Amino acid sequence: MCWIEHAEPWALESELISQLDLPLNLDQNCHNAFHDRLKKLRVQARQQARALPIRA
């Protein structure tokens, strides 16, 4: 992991996502083979978390 300063980070992000294999990043990454599976897993995890009791 690293960081750099960039005048338009959103443009750099789009370029990097299109060129690199970043399977955990769903935004702008639907071309990744893992995208649909990860999206479904995250939906299931959210549903499961919402069903758990909240403790004070």
Protein backbone atom coordinates (compact mmCIF):
# COMPACT_ATOMS: atom_id res chain seq x y z
CA MET A 1 0.00 0.00 0.00
CA CYS A 2 1.13 3.51 -0.71
CA TRP A 3 -0.24 6.96 -1.31
CA ILE A 4 0.60 9.89 -3.52
CA GLU A 5 -0.73 13.40 -3.88
CA HIS A 6 -2.61 13.99 -7.11
CA ALA A 7 -4.59 17.00 -8.34
CA GLU A 8 -7.41 14.77 -9.61
CA PRO A 9 -7.35 11.58 -7.50
CA TRP A 10 -10.67 10.38 -8.96
CA ALA A 11 -9.12 10.28 -12.44
CA LEU A 12 -6.09 8.37 -11.19
CA GLU A 13 -8.33 5.95 -9.30
CA SER A 14 -10.32 5.15 -12.44
CA GLU A 15 -7.14 4.60 -14.43
CA LEU A 16 -5.62 2.31 -11.80
CA ILE A 17 -8.79 0.26 -11.37
CA SER A 18 -9.02 -0.27 -15.13
CA GLN A 19 -5.39 -1.42 -15.35
CA LEU A 20 -4.85 -3.42 -12.15
CA ASP A 21 -6.42 -6.53 -10.68
CA LEU A 22 -8.08 -5.20 -7.52
CA PRO A 23 -10.64 -7.86 -6.60
CA LEU A 24 -11.80 -6.27 -3.33
CA ASN A 25 -12.65 -2.94 -4.95
CA LEU A 26 -16.18 -3.17 -6.39
CA ASP A 27 -16.49 0.43 -7.56
CA GLN A 28 -15.69 0.71 -11.29
CA ASN A 29 -14.44 -2.88 -11.23
CA CYS A 30 -17.27 -4.99 -12.67
CA HIS A 31 -14.81 -6.43 -15.24
CA ASN A 32 -13.14 -8.43 -12.45
CA ALA A 33 -14.14 -12.11 -12.39
CA PHE A 34 -14.67 -11.99 -8.59
CA HIS A 35 -16.96 -8.92 -8.70
CA ASP A 36 -20.35 -10.67 -8.72
CA ARG A 37 -19.37 -13.21 -6.08
CA LEU A 38 -17.95 -10.55 -3.75
CA LYS A 39 -21.02 -8.35 -4.23
CA LYS A 40 -23.29 -11.24 -3.22
CA LEU A 41 -21.11 -12.09 -0.22
CA ARG A 42 -21.20 -8.50 0.99
CA VAL A 43 -25.00 -8.39 0.69
CA GLN A 44 -25.25 -11.61 2.71
CA ALA A 45 -22.85 -10.28 5.35
CA ARG A 46 -24.87 -7.04 5.71
CA GLN A 47 -28.12 -8.98 6.04
CA GLN A 48 -26.60 -11.29 8.63
CA ALA A 49 -25.16 -8.37 10.61
CA ARG A 50 -28.50 -6.54 10.63
CA ALA A 51 -30.21 -9.66 11.99
CA LEU A 52 -27.87 -9.87 15.00
CA PRO A 53 -29.01 -8.42 18.34
CA ILE A 54 -27.63 -5.07 19.43
CA ARG A 55 -26.09 -5.01 22.90
CA ALA A 56 -25.78 -1.91 25.00
